[in-house]
């Protein structure tokens, strides 16, 4: 039995446009059960191996959609209780992704928490 904790998550979700913004911020909502797992298993190693989160509770990740892989962060959304994944215009263009499209997403935590011994 492996003692490593899961640090890779995959799901399908619909791309949506952030309401009320002049610029076109596109997002994918990470499903709530996966968001809870990500929150539990994500840490950043600080000075002396202490644990802390980045600004706004964001979690650094590596994301793959189609043939595109990039480093970014997911951000907590208090209203939905899930993380939001921003989709850069460069990625949307490369993968021909538009508002309302459903995409397959692979997220890898940049700093997964190691299991307690």
PDB file of N, CA and C in Angstrom:
ATOM      1  N   UNK A   1       0.835  -1.184   0.000  1.00  0.00           N
ATOM      2  CA  UNK A   1       0.000   0.000   0.000  1.00  0.00           C
ATOM      3  C   UNK A   1       0.880   1.248   0.000  1.00  0.00           C
ATOM      4  N   UNK A   2       0.565   2.183  -0.862  1.00  0.00           N
ATOM      5  CA  UNK A   2       1.338   3.413  -0.992  1.00  0.00           C
ATOM      6  C   UNK A   2       0.994   4.378   0.136  1.00  0.00           C
ATOM      7  N   UNK A   3       2.025   5.053   0.661  1.00  0.00           N
ATOM      8  CA  UNK A   3       1.789   6.056   1.705  1.00  0.00           C
ATOM      9  C   UNK A   3       1.715   7.462   1.122  1.00  0.00           C
ATOM     10  N   UNK A   4       1.896   7.602  -0.189  1.00  0.00           N
ATOM     11  CA  UNK A   4       1.815   8.919  -0.818  1.00  0.00           C
ATOM     12  C   UNK A   4       0.358   9.353  -0.925  1.00  0.00           C
ATOM     13  N   UNK A   5       0.114  10.628  -0.673  1.00  0.00           N
ATOM     14  CA  UNK A   5      -1.232  11.167  -0.798  1.00  0.00           C
ATOM     15  C   UNK A   5      -1.461  11.595  -2.246  1.00  0.00           C
ATOM     16  N   UNK A   6      -2.698  11.539  -2.668  1.00  0.00           N
ATOM     17  CA  UNK A   6      -3.036  11.935  -4.024  1.00  0.00           C
ATOM     18  C   UNK A   6      -2.728  13.405  -4.238  1.00  0.00           C
ATOM     19  N   UNK A   7      -2.009  13.692  -5.333  1.00  0.00           N
ATOM     20  CA  UNK A   7      -1.697  15.083  -5.649  1.00  0.00           C
ATOM     21  C   UNK A   7      -2.118  15.422  -7.078  1.00  0.00           C
ATOM     22  N   UNK A   8      -2.877  14.538  -7.707  1.00  0.00           N
ATOM     23  CA  UNK A   8      -3.335  14.730  -9.078  1.00  0.00           C
ATOM     24  C   UNK A   8      -4.838  14.493  -9.124  1.00  0.00           C
ATOM     25  N   UNK A   9      -5.553  15.412  -9.749  1.00  0.00           N
ATOM     26  CA  UNK A   9      -7.004  15.352  -9.798  1.00  0.00           C
ATOM     27  C   UNK A   9      -7.474  15.622 -11.226  1.00  0.00           C
ATOM     28  N   UNK A  10      -8.484  14.904 -11.680  1.00  0.00           N
ATOM     29  CA  UNK A  10      -9.025  15.152 -13.020  1.00  0.00           C
ATOM     30  C   UNK A  10     -10.546  15.249 -12.939  1.00  0.00           C
ATOM     31  N   UNK A  11     -11.099  16.044 -13.856  1.00  0.00           N
ATOM     32  CA  UNK A  11     -12.542  16.253 -13.884  1.00  0.00           C
ATOM     33  C   UNK A  11     -12.929  16.922 -15.199  1.00  0.00           C
ATOM     34  N   UNK A  12     -14.227  16.920 -15.484  1.00  0.00           N
ATOM     35  CA  UNK A  12     -14.781  17.672 -16.606  1.00  0.00           C
ATOM     36  C   UNK A  12     -15.630  18.795 -16.034  1.00  0.00           C
ATOM     37  N   UNK A  13     -15.557  19.964 -16.659  1.00  0.00           N
ATOM     38  CA  UNK A  13     -16.348  21.106 -16.192  1.00  0.00           C
ATOM     39  C   UNK A  13     -16.580  22.078 -17.335  1.00  0.00           C
ATOM     40  N   UNK A  14     -17.600  22.903 -17.153  1.00  0.00           N
ATOM     41  CA  UNK A  14     -17.971  23.896 -18.165  1.00  0.00           C
ATOM     42  C   UNK A  14     -17.195  25.190 -17.928  1.00  0.00           C
ATOM     43  N   UNK A  15     -16.710  25.778 -19.004  1.00  0.00           N
ATOM     44  CA  UNK A  15     -16.025  27.072 -18.956  1.00  0.00           C
ATOM     45  C   UNK A  15     -17.088  28.157 -18.809  1.00  0.00           C
ATOM     46  N   UNK A  16     -16.830  29.110 -17.914  1.00  0.00           N
ATOM     47  CA  UNK A  16     -17.773  30.208 -17.717  1.00  0.00           C
ATOM     48  C   UNK A  16     -17.037  31.535 -17.649  1.00  0.00           C
ATOM     49  N   UNK A  17     -17.772  32.565 -17.974  1.00  0.00           N
ATOM     50  CA  UNK A  17     -17.251  33.931 -18.015  1.00  0.00           C
ATOM     51  C   UNK A  17     -17.628  34.634 -16.718  1.00  0.00           C
ATOM     52  N   UNK A  18     -16.638  35.278 -16.070  1.00  0.00           N
ATOM     53  CA  UNK A  18     -16.906  35.978 -14.820  1.00  0.00           C
ATOM     54  C   UNK A  18     -17.873  37.131 -15.086  1.00  0.00           C
ATOM     55  N   UNK A  19     -18.988  37.185 -14.349  1.00  0.00           N
ATOM     56  CA  UNK A  19     -19.996  38.226 -14.625  1.00  0.00           C
ATOM     57  C   UNK A  19     -19.565  39.608 -14.155  1.00  0.00           C
ATOM     58  N   UNK A  20     -19.989  40.612 -14.909  1.00  0.00           N
ATOM     59  CA  UNK A  20     -19.810  41.994 -14.499  1.00  0.00           C
ATOM     60  C   UNK A  20     -18.435  42.581 -14.727  1.00  0.00           C
ATOM     61  N   UNK A  21     -17.583  41.905 -15.446  1.00  0.00           N
ATOM     62  CA  UNK A  21     -16.230  42.421 -15.681  1.00  0.00           C
ATOM     63  C   UNK A  21     -16.125  42.946 -17.112  1.00  0.00           C
ATOM     64  N   UNK A  22     -15.369  44.027 -17.276  1.00  0.00           N
ATOM     65  CA  UNK A  22     -15.122  44.570 -18.613  1.00  0.00           C
ATOM     66  C   UNK A  22     -14.239  43.624 -19.429  1.00  0.00           C
ATOM     67  N   UNK A  23     -13.271  43.009 -18.752  1.00  0.00           N
ATOM     68  CA  UNK A  23     -12.381  42.066 -19.434  1.00  0.00           C
ATOM     69  C   UNK A  23     -12.981  40.671 -19.360  1.00  0.00           C
ATOM     70  N   UNK A  24     -12.578  39.836 -20.261  1.00  0.00           N
ATOM     71  CA  UNK A  24     -13.154  38.498 -20.378  1.00  0.00           C
ATOM     72  C   UNK A  24     -12.381  37.476 -19.542  1.00  0.00           C
ATOM     73  N   UNK A  25     -12.659  37.423 -18.248  1.00  0.00           N
ATOM     74  CA  UNK A  25     -12.047  36.427 -17.375  1.00  0.00           C
ATOM     75  C   UNK A  25     -12.844  35.134 -17.468  1.00  0.00           C
ATOM     76  N   UNK A  26     -12.201  34.086 -17.976  1.00  0.00           N
ATOM     77  CA  UNK A  26     -12.839  32.782 -18.100  1.00  0.00           C
ATOM     78  C   UNK A  26     -12.334  31.869 -16.989  1.00  0.00           C
ATOM     79  N   UNK A  27     -13.243  31.064 -16.449  1.00  0.00           N
ATOM     80  CA  UNK A  27     -12.914  30.159 -15.355  1.00  0.00           C
ATOM     81  C   UNK A  27     -13.533  28.795 -15.567  1.00  0.00           C
ATOM     82  N   UNK A  28     -13.011  27.829 -14.816  1.00  0.00           N
ATOM     83  CA  UNK A  28     -13.615  26.518 -14.638  1.00  0.00           C
ATOM     84  C   UNK A  28     -13.739  26.340 -13.134  1.00  0.00           C
ATOM     85  N   UNK A  29     -14.884  25.886 -12.672  1.00  0.00           N
ATOM     86  CA  UNK A  29     -15.065  25.599 -11.250  1.00  0.00           C
ATOM     87  C   UNK A  29     -14.641  24.170 -10.976  1.00  0.00           C
ATOM     88  N   UNK A  30     -13.746  24.006 -10.008  1.00  0.00           N
ATOM     89  CA  UNK A  30     -13.334  22.666  -9.585  1.00  0.00           C
ATOM     90  C   UNK A  30     -14.489  22.093  -8.765  1.00  0.00           C
ATOM     91  N   UNK A  31     -14.927  20.865  -9.051  1.00  0.00           N
ATOM     92  CA  UNK A  31     -16.039  20.299  -8.282  1.00  0.00           C
ATOM     93  C   UNK A  31     -15.767  20.358  -6.773  1.00  0.00           C
ATOM     94  N   UNK A  32     -16.812  20.588  -5.999  1.00  0.00           N
ATOM     95  CA  UNK A  32     -16.670  20.788  -4.558  1.00  0.00           C
ATOM     96  C   UNK A  32     -15.943  19.632  -3.859  1.00  0.00           C
ATOM     97  N   UNK A  33     -16.265  18.352  -4.126  1.00  0.00           N
ATOM     98  CA  UNK A  33     -15.536  17.274  -3.445  1.00  0.00           C
ATOM     99  C   UNK A  33     -14.027  17.298  -3.751  1.00  0.00           C
ATOM    100  N   UNK A  34     -13.669  17.613  -4.986  1.00  0.00           N
ATOM    101  CA  UNK A  34     -12.250  17.713  -5.337  1.00  0.00           C
ATOM    102  C   UNK A  34     -11.621  18.942  -4.690  1.00  0.00           C
ATOM    103  N   UNK A  35     -12.376  20.031  -4.608  1.00  0.00           N
ATOM    104  CA  UNK A  35     -11.878  21.241  -3.949  1.00  0.00           C
ATOM    105  C   UNK A  35     -11.552  20.966  -2.484  1.00  0.00           C
ATOM    106  N   UNK A  36     -12.399  20.198  -1.832  1.00  0.00           N
ATOM    107  CA  UNK A  36     -12.142  19.840  -0.438  1.00  0.00           C
ATOM    108  C   UNK A  36     -10.869  19.011  -0.312  1.00  0.00           C
ATOM    109  N   UNK A  37     -10.655  18.075  -1.242  1.00  0.00           N
ATOM    110  CA  UNK A  37      -9.434  17.263  -1.249  1.00  0.00           C
ATOM    111  C   UNK A  37      -8.204  18.137  -1.494  1.00  0.00           C
ATOM    112  N   UNK A  38      -8.312  19.038  -2.446  1.00  0.00           N
ATOM    113  CA  UNK A  38      -7.186  19.927  -2.763  1.00  0.00           C
ATOM    114  C   UNK A  38      -6.842  20.785  -1.546  1.00  0.00           C
ATOM    115  N   UNK A  39      -7.849  21.343  -0.899  1.00  0.00           N
ATOM    116  CA  UNK A  39      -7.609  22.174   0.281  1.00  0.00           C
ATOM    117  C   UNK A  39      -6.896  21.375   1.365  1.00  0.00           C
ATOM    118  N   UNK A  40      -7.361  20.153   1.591  1.00  0.00           N
ATOM    119  CA  UNK A  40      -6.781  19.302   2.629  1.00  0.00           C
ATOM    120  C   UNK A  40      -5.342  18.904   2.313  1.00  0.00           C
ATOM    121  N   UNK A  41      -5.053  18.679   1.048  1.00  0.00           N
ATOM    122  CA  UNK A  41      -3.757  18.116   0.667  1.00  0.00           C
ATOM    123  C   UNK A  41      -2.740  19.125   0.154  1.00  0.00           C
ATOM    124  N   UNK A  42      -3.105  20.382   0.167  1.00  0.00           N
ATOM    125  CA  UNK A  42      -2.192  21.388  -0.380  1.00  0.00           C
ATOM    126  C   UNK A  42      -1.522  22.188   0.725  1.00  0.00           C
ATOM    127  N   UNK A  43      -0.229  22.319   0.603  1.00  0.00           N
ATOM    128  CA  UNK A  43       0.554  23.160   1.505  1.00  0.00           C
ATOM    129  C   UNK A  43       1.709  23.738   0.710  1.00  0.00           C
ATOM    130  N   UNK A  44       2.311  24.750   1.278  1.00  0.00           N
ATOM    131  CA  UNK A  44       3.547  25.285   0.722  1.00  0.00           C
ATOM    132  C   UNK A  44       4.587  25.173   1.811  1.00  0.00           C
ATOM    133  N   UNK A  45       5.733  24.664   1.460  1.00  0.00           N
ATOM    134  CA  UNK A  45       6.815  24.538   2.433  1.00  0.00           C
ATOM    135  C   UNK A  45       7.470  25.895   2.626  1.00  0.00           C
ATOM    136  N   UNK A  46       7.433  26.401   3.834  1.00  0.00           N
ATOM    137  CA  UNK A  46       8.052  27.681   4.142  1.00  0.00           C
ATOM    138  C   UNK A  46       9.337  27.490   4.920  1.00  0.00           C
ATOM    139  N   UNK A  47       9.815  28.542   5.500  1.00  0.00           N
ATOM    140  CA  UNK A  47      11.029  28.501   6.297  1.00  0.00           C
ATOM    141  C   UNK A  47      10.836  27.500   7.436  1.00  0.00           C
ATOM    142  N   UNK A  48      11.806  26.614   7.617  1.00  0.00           N
ATOM    143  CA  UNK A  48      11.722  25.620   8.680  1.00  0.00           C
ATOM    144  C   UNK A  48      10.640  24.588   8.455  1.00  0.00           C
ATOM    145  N   UNK A  49      10.220  24.405   7.219  1.00  0.00           N
ATOM    146  CA  UNK A  49       9.188  23.439   6.845  1.00  0.00           C
ATOM    147  C   UNK A  49       7.823  23.739   7.461  1.00  0.00           C
ATOM    148  N   UNK A  50       7.576  24.995   7.795  1.00  0.00           N
ATOM    149  CA  UNK A  50       6.249  25.352   8.285  1.00  0.00           C
ATOM    150  C   UNK A  50       5.267  25.316   7.116  1.00  0.00           C
ATOM    151  N   UNK A  51       4.004  25.290   7.435  1.00  0.00           N
ATOM    152  CA  UNK A  51       2.985  25.213   6.403  1.00  0.00           C
ATOM    153  C   UNK A  51       2.242  26.537   6.328  1.00  0.00           C
ATOM    154  N   UNK A  52       2.085  27.070   5.123  1.00  0.00           N
ATOM    155  CA  UNK A  52       1.316  28.298   4.950  1.00  0.00           C
ATOM    156  C   UNK A  52       0.700  28.311   3.557  1.00  0.00           C
ATOM    157  N   UNK A  53      -0.355  29.087   3.383  1.00  0.00           N
ATOM    158  CA  UNK A  53      -1.011  29.244   2.086  1.00  0.00           C
ATOM    159  C   UNK A  53      -0.534  30.530   1.442  1.00  0.00           C
ATOM    160  N   UNK A  54      -0.714  30.592   0.128  1.00  0.00           N
ATOM    161  CA  UNK A  54      -0.387  31.811  -0.607  1.00  0.00           C
ATOM    162  C   UNK A  54      -1.514  32.816  -0.429  1.00  0.00           C
ATOM    163  N   UNK A  55      -1.323  34.006  -1.014  1.00  0.00           N
ATOM    164  CA  UNK A  55      -2.312  35.074  -0.931  1.00  0.00           C
ATOM    165  C   UNK A  55      -3.699  34.640  -1.367  1.00  0.00           C
ATOM    166  N   UNK A  56      -4.707  35.127  -0.678  1.00  0.00           N
ATOM    167  CA  UNK A  56      -6.125  34.846  -0.946  1.00  0.00           C
ATOM    168  C   UNK A  56      -6.463  33.361  -0.835  1.00  0.00           C
ATOM    169  N   UNK A  57      -5.593  32.580  -0.203  1.00  0.00           N
ATOM    170  CA  UNK A  57      -5.861  31.150  -0.054  1.00  0.00           C
ATOM    171  C   UNK A  57      -5.623  30.358  -1.321  1.00  0.00           C
ATOM    172  N   UNK A  58      -4.908  30.962  -2.286  1.00  0.00           N
ATOM    173  CA  UNK A  58      -4.667  30.277  -3.552  1.00  0.00           C
ATOM    174  C   UNK A  58      -3.738  29.083  -3.366  1.00  0.00           C
ATOM    175  N   UNK A  59      -3.871  28.127  -4.259  1.00  0.00           N
ATOM    176  CA  UNK A  59      -3.056  26.917  -4.224  1.00  0.00           C
ATOM    177  C   UNK A  59      -2.318  26.804  -5.556  1.00  0.00           C
ATOM    178  N   UNK A  60      -0.981  26.742  -5.533  1.00  0.00           N
ATOM    179  CA  UNK A  60      -0.228  26.612  -6.786  1.00  0.00           C
ATOM    180  C   UNK A  60      -0.421  25.220  -7.388  1.00  0.00           C
ATOM    181  N   UNK A  61      -0.658  25.194  -8.700  1.00  0.00           N
ATOM    182  CA  UNK A  61      -0.925  23.931  -9.394  1.00  0.00           C
ATOM    183  C   UNK A  61      -0.293  23.947 -10.789  1.00  0.00           C
ATOM    184  N   UNK A  62      -0.210  22.768 -11.350  1.00  0.00           N
ATOM    185  CA  UNK A  62       0.099  22.623 -12.774  1.00  0.00           C
ATOM    186  C   UNK A  62      -1.158  22.037 -13.405  1.00  0.00           C
ATOM    187  N   UNK A  63      -1.574  22.606 -14.527  1.00  0.00           N
ATOM    188  CA  UNK A  63      -2.835  22.225 -15.156  1.00  0.00           C
ATOM    189  C   UNK A  63      -2.586  21.759 -16.585  1.00  0.00           C
ATOM    190  N   UNK A  64      -3.335  20.737 -16.988  1.00  0.00           N
ATOM    191  CA  UNK A  64      -3.324  20.295 -18.377  1.00  0.00           C
ATOM    192  C   UNK A  64      -4.755  20.277 -18.896  1.00  0.00           C
ATOM    193  N   UNK A  65      -4.952  20.941 -20.027  1.00  0.00           N
ATOM    194  CA  UNK A  65      -6.194  20.864 -20.797  1.00  0.00           C
ATOM    195  C   UNK A  65      -5.767  20.592 -22.222  1.00  0.00           C
ATOM    196  N   UNK A  66      -6.238  19.499 -22.786  1.00  0.00           N
ATOM    197  CA  UNK A  66      -5.825  19.119 -24.134  1.00  0.00           C
ATOM    198  C   UNK A  66      -4.326  18.893 -24.181  1.00  0.00           C
ATOM    199  N   UNK A  67      -3.642  19.565 -25.102  1.00  0.00           N
ATOM    200  CA  UNK A  67      -2.190  19.438 -25.243  1.00  0.00           C
ATOM    201  C   UNK A  67      -1.434  20.546 -24.509  1.00  0.00           C
ATOM    202  N   UNK A  68      -2.162  21.423 -23.833  1.00  0.00           N
ATOM    203  CA  UNK A  68      -1.551  22.560 -23.135  1.00  0.00           C
ATOM    204  C   UNK A  68      -1.372  22.261 -21.649  1.00  0.00           C
ATOM    205  N   UNK A  69      -0.162  22.513 -21.154  1.00  0.00           N
ATOM    206  CA  UNK A  69       0.149  22.365 -19.731  1.00  0.00           C
ATOM    207  C   UNK A  69       0.796  23.658 -19.263  1.00  0.00           C
ATOM    208  N   UNK A  70       0.363  24.190 -18.116  1.00  0.00           N
ATOM    209  CA  UNK A  70       0.920  25.431 -17.606  1.00  0.00           C
ATOM    210  C   UNK A  70       0.824  25.462 -16.081  1.00  0.00           C
ATOM    211  N   UNK A  71       1.602  26.354 -15.472  1.00  0.00           N
ATOM    212  CA  UNK A  71       1.570  26.562 -14.024  1.00  0.00           C
ATOM    213  C   UNK A  71       0.710  27.776 -13.725  1.00  0.00           C
ATOM    214  N   UNK A  72      -0.125  27.628 -12.707  1.00  0.00           N
ATOM    215  CA  UNK A  72      -1.034  28.694 -12.298  1.00  0.00           C
ATOM    216  C   UNK A  72      -1.420  28.452 -10.848  1.00  0.00           C
ATOM    217  N   UNK A  73      -2.538  28.964 -10.430  1.00  0.00           N
ATOM    218  CA  UNK A  73      -3.070  28.709  -9.090  1.00  0.00           C
ATOM    219  C   UNK A  73      -4.581  28.612  -9.187  1.00  0.00           C
ATOM    220  N   UNK A  74      -5.174  27.869  -8.267  1.00  0.00           N
ATOM    221  CA  UNK A  74      -6.626  27.856  -8.125  1.00  0.00           C
ATOM    222  C   UNK A  74      -6.953  28.722  -6.913  1.00  0.00           C
ATOM    223  N   UNK A  75      -8.118  29.384  -6.968  1.00  0.00           N
ATOM    224  CA  UNK A  75      -8.501  30.350  -5.945  1.00  0.00           C
ATOM    225  C   UNK A  75      -9.816  29.929  -5.299  1.00  0.00           C
ATOM    226  N   UNK A  76      -9.905  30.025  -3.968  1.00  0.00           N
ATOM    227  CA  UNK A  76     -11.150  29.625  -3.303  1.00  0.00           C
ATOM    228  C   UNK A  76     -12.278  30.609  -3.598  1.00  0.00           C
ATOM    229  N   UNK A  77     -13.472  30.060  -3.772  1.00  0.00           N
ATOM    230  CA  UNK A  77     -14.674  30.863  -3.979  1.00  0.00           C
ATOM    231  C   UNK A  77     -15.614  30.596  -2.814  1.00  0.00           C
ATOM    232  N   UNK A  78     -15.820  31.598  -1.963  1.00  0.00           N
ATOM    233  CA  UNK A  78     -16.636  31.413  -0.769  1.00  0.00           C
ATOM    234  C   UNK A  78     -18.086  31.075  -1.097  1.00  0.00           C
ATOM    235  N   UNK A  79     -18.606  31.656  -2.170  1.00  0.00           N
ATOM    236  CA  UNK A  79     -20.016  31.411  -2.528  1.00  0.00           C
ATOM    237  C   UNK A  79     -20.287  29.952  -2.854  1.00  0.00           C
ATOM    238  N   UNK A  80     -19.432  29.354  -3.691  1.00  0.00           N
ATOM    239  CA  UNK A  80     -19.677  27.981  -4.137  1.00  0.00           C
ATOM    240  C   UNK A  80     -18.995  26.936  -3.258  1.00  0.00           C
ATOM    241  N   UNK A  81     -17.992  27.365  -2.475  1.00  0.00           N
ATOM    242  CA  UNK A  81     -17.241  26.409  -1.663  1.00  0.00           C
ATOM    243  C   UNK A  81     -16.265  25.578  -2.478  1.00  0.00           C
ATOM    244  N   UNK A  82     -15.971  26.029  -3.688  1.00  0.00           N
ATOM    245  CA  UNK A  82     -15.032  25.293  -4.544  1.00  0.00           C
ATOM    246  C   UNK A  82     -13.901  26.230  -4.971  1.00  0.00           C
ATOM    247  N   UNK A  83     -12.907  25.641  -5.610  1.00  0.00           N
ATOM    248  CA  UNK A  83     -11.823  26.441  -6.169  1.00  0.00           C
ATOM    249  C   UNK A  83     -12.176  26.852  -7.592  1.00  0.00           C
ATOM    250  N   UNK A  84     -11.656  28.012  -7.999  1.00  0.00           N
ATOM    251  CA  UNK A  84     -11.833  28.498  -9.366  1.00  0.00           C
ATOM    252  C   UNK A  84     -10.497  28.433 -10.079  1.00  0.00           C
ATOM    253  N   UNK A  85     -10.518  27.920 -11.293  1.00  0.00           N
ATOM    254  CA  UNK A  85      -9.328  27.817 -12.137  1.00  0.00           C
ATOM    255  C   UNK A  85      -9.441  28.838 -13.259  1.00  0.00           C
ATOM    256  N   UNK A  86      -8.575  29.866 -13.261  1.00  0.00           N
ATOM    257  CA  UNK A  86      -8.612  30.842 -14.358  1.00  0.00           C
ATOM    258  C   UNK A  86      -8.004  30.248 -15.625  1.00  0.00           C
ATOM    259  N   UNK A  87      -8.623  30.542 -16.767  1.00  0.00           N
ATOM    260  CA  UNK A  87      -8.115  30.056 -18.059  1.00  0.00           C
ATOM    261  C   UNK A  87      -7.590  31.239 -18.861  1.00  0.00           C
ATOM    262  N   UNK A  88      -6.274  31.265 -19.071  1.00  0.00           N
ATOM    263  CA  UNK A  88      -5.639  32.340 -19.831  1.00  0.00           C
ATOM    264  C   UNK A  88      -6.123  32.335 -21.280  1.00  0.00           C
ATOM    265  N   UNK A  89      -6.137  33.514 -21.894  1.00  0.00           N
ATOM    266  CA  UNK A  89      -6.521  33.633 -23.301  1.00  0.00           C
ATOM    267  C   UNK A  89      -5.618  32.776 -24.186  1.00  0.00           C
ATOM    268  N   UNK A  90      -4.323  32.729 -23.866  1.00  0.00           N
ATOM    269  CA  UNK A  90      -3.371  31.938 -24.645  1.00  0.00           C
ATOM    270  C   UNK A  90      -3.763  30.451 -24.652  1.00  0.00           C
ATOM    271  N   UNK A  91      -4.190  29.931 -23.520  1.00  0.00           N
ATOM    272  CA  UNK A  91      -4.603  28.527 -23.414  1.00  0.00           C
ATOM    273  C   UNK A  91      -5.924  28.315 -24.136  1.00  0.00           C
ATOM    274  N   UNK A  92      -6.873  29.218 -23.927  1.00  0.00           N
ATOM    275  CA  UNK A  92      -8.170  29.090 -24.600  1.00  0.00           C
ATOM    276  C   UNK A  92      -8.001  29.098 -26.110  1.00  0.00           C
ATOM    277  N   UNK A  93      -7.117  29.952 -26.595  1.00  0.00           N
ATOM    278  CA  UNK A  93      -6.860  30.028 -28.036  1.00  0.00           C
ATOM    279  C   UNK A  93      -6.195  28.751 -28.544  1.00  0.00           C
ATOM    280  N   UNK A  94      -5.177  28.283 -27.832  1.00  0.00           N
ATOM    281  CA  UNK A  94      -4.454  27.080 -28.257  1.00  0.00           C
ATOM    282  C   UNK A  94      -5.348  25.850 -28.279  1.00  0.00           C
ATOM    283  N   UNK A  95      -6.299  25.790 -27.356  1.00  0.00           N
ATOM    284  CA  UNK A  95      -7.172  24.614 -27.250  1.00  0.00           C
ATOM    285  C   UNK A  95      -8.550  24.834 -27.866  1.00  0.00           C
ATOM    286  N   UNK A  96      -8.756  26.015 -28.480  1.00  0.00           N
ATOM    287  CA  UNK A  96     -10.027  26.335 -29.126  1.00  0.00           C
ATOM    288  C   UNK A  96     -11.200  26.187 -28.140  1.00  0.00           C
ATOM    289  N   UNK A  97     -11.038  26.807 -26.967  1.00  0.00           N
ATOM    290  CA  UNK A  97     -12.016  26.718 -25.888  1.00  0.00           C
ATOM    291  C   UNK A  97     -12.747  28.048 -25.756  1.00  0.00           C
ATOM    292  N   UNK A  98     -14.072  27.960 -25.610  1.00  0.00           N
ATOM    293  CA  UNK A  98     -14.913  29.147 -25.497  1.00  0.00           C
ATOM    294  C   UNK A  98     -15.852  29.031 -24.306  1.00  0.00           C
ATOM    295  N   UNK A  99     -16.437  30.166 -23.922  1.00  0.00           N
ATOM    296  CA  UNK A  99     -17.433  30.189 -22.867  1.00  0.00           C
ATOM    297  C   UNK A  99     -18.524  29.160 -23.156  1.00  0.00           C
ATOM    298  N   UNK A 100     -18.845  28.321 -22.172  1.00  0.00           N
ATOM    299  CA  UNK A 100     -19.883  27.310 -22.327  1.00  0.00           C
ATOM    300  C   UNK A 100     -19.367  25.943 -22.750  1.00  0.00           C
ATOM    301  N   UNK A 101     -18.117  25.862 -23.213  1.00  0.00           N
ATOM    302  CA  UNK A 101     -17.534  24.571 -23.594  1.00  0.00           C
ATOM    303  C   UNK A 101     -17.252  23.732 -22.345  1.00  0.00           C
ATOM    304  N   UNK A 102     -17.331  22.422 -22.496  1.00  0.00           N
ATOM    305  CA  UNK A 102     -16.940  21.505 -21.438  1.00  0.00           C
ATOM    306  C   UNK A 102     -15.536  21.016 -21.742  1.00  0.00           C
ATOM    307  N   UNK A 103     -14.658  21.085 -20.733  1.00  0.00           N
ATOM    308  CA  UNK A 103     -13.262  20.684 -20.914  1.00  0.00           C
ATOM    309  C   UNK A 103     -12.882  19.617 -19.889  1.00  0.00           C
ATOM    310  N   UNK A 104     -11.917  18.776 -20.263  1.00  0.00           N
ATOM    311  CA  UNK A 104     -11.338  17.804 -19.341  1.00  0.00           C
ATOM    312  C   UNK A 104     -10.101  18.458 -18.748  1.00  0.00           C
ATOM    313  N   UNK A 105     -10.014  18.474 -17.421  1.00  0.00           N
ATOM    314  CA  UNK A 105      -8.948  19.179 -16.706  1.00  0.00           C
ATOM    315  C   UNK A 105      -8.161  18.192 -15.843  1.00  0.00           C
ATOM    316  N   UNK A 106      -6.840  18.285 -15.917  1.00  0.00           N
ATOM    317  CA  UNK A 106      -5.956  17.551 -15.022  1.00  0.00           C
ATOM    318  C   UNK A 106      -5.216  18.581 -14.187  1.00  0.00           C
ATOM    319  N   UNK A 107      -5.334  18.493 -12.868  1.00  0.00           N
ATOM    320  CA  UNK A 107      -4.658  19.406 -11.943  1.00  0.00           C
ATOM    321  C   UNK A 107      -3.667  18.606 -11.104  1.00  0.00           C
ATOM    322  N   UNK A 108      -2.442  19.115 -11.017  1.00  0.00           N
ATOM    323  CA  UNK A 108      -1.431  18.523 -10.146  1.00  0.00           C
ATOM    324  C   UNK A 108      -1.015  19.575  -9.128  1.00  0.00           C
ATOM    325  N   UNK A 109      -1.027  19.211  -7.858  1.00  0.00           N
ATOM    326  CA  UNK A 109      -0.602  20.135  -6.817  1.00  0.00           C
ATOM    327  C   UNK A 109       0.894  20.368  -6.930  1.00  0.00           C
ATOM    328  N   UNK A 110       1.299  21.617  -6.773  1.00  0.00           N
ATOM    329  CA  UNK A 110       2.714  21.958  -6.845  1.00  0.00           C
ATOM    330  C   UNK A 110       3.463  21.531  -5.599  1.00  0.00           C
ATOM    331  N   UNK A 111       2.786  21.591  -4.446  1.00  0.00           N
ATOM    332  CA  UNK A 111       3.419  21.247  -3.167  1.00  0.00           C
ATOM    333  C   UNK A 111       2.491  20.360  -2.358  1.00  0.00           C
ATOM    334  N   UNK A 112       2.294  19.107  -2.751  1.00  0.00           N
ATOM    335  CA  UNK A 112       1.372  18.255  -1.993  1.00  0.00           C
ATOM    336  C   UNK A 112       1.889  17.974  -0.585  1.00  0.00           C
ATOM    337  N   UNK A 113       0.972  17.957   0.357  1.00  0.00           N
ATOM    338  CA  UNK A 113       1.325  17.654   1.749  1.00  0.00           C
ATOM    339  C   UNK A 113       1.726  16.187   1.839  1.00  0.00           C
ATOM    340  N   UNK A 114       2.767  15.914   2.558  1.00  0.00           N
ATOM    341  CA  UNK A 114       3.219  14.548   2.752  1.00  0.00           C
ATOM    342  C   UNK A 114       2.457  13.934   3.922  1.00  0.00           C
ATOM    343  N   UNK A 115       2.229  12.620   3.874  1.00  0.00           N
ATOM    344  CA  UNK A 115       1.465  11.973   4.957  1.00  0.00           C
ATOM    345  C   UNK A 115       2.229  12.043   6.279  1.00  0.00           C
ATOM    346  N   UNK A 116       1.463  12.077   7.375  1.00  0.00           N
ATOM    347  CA  UNK A 116       2.043  12.078   8.711  1.00  0.00           C
ATOM    348  C   UNK A 116       2.586  10.697   9.022  1.00  0.00           C
ATOM    349  N   UNK A 117       3.722  10.637   9.707  1.00  0.00           N
ATOM    350  CA  UNK A 117       4.308   9.333  10.075  1.00  0.00           C
ATOM    351  C   UNK A 117       3.931   8.962  11.485  1.00  0.00           C
TER     352      UNK A 117
END
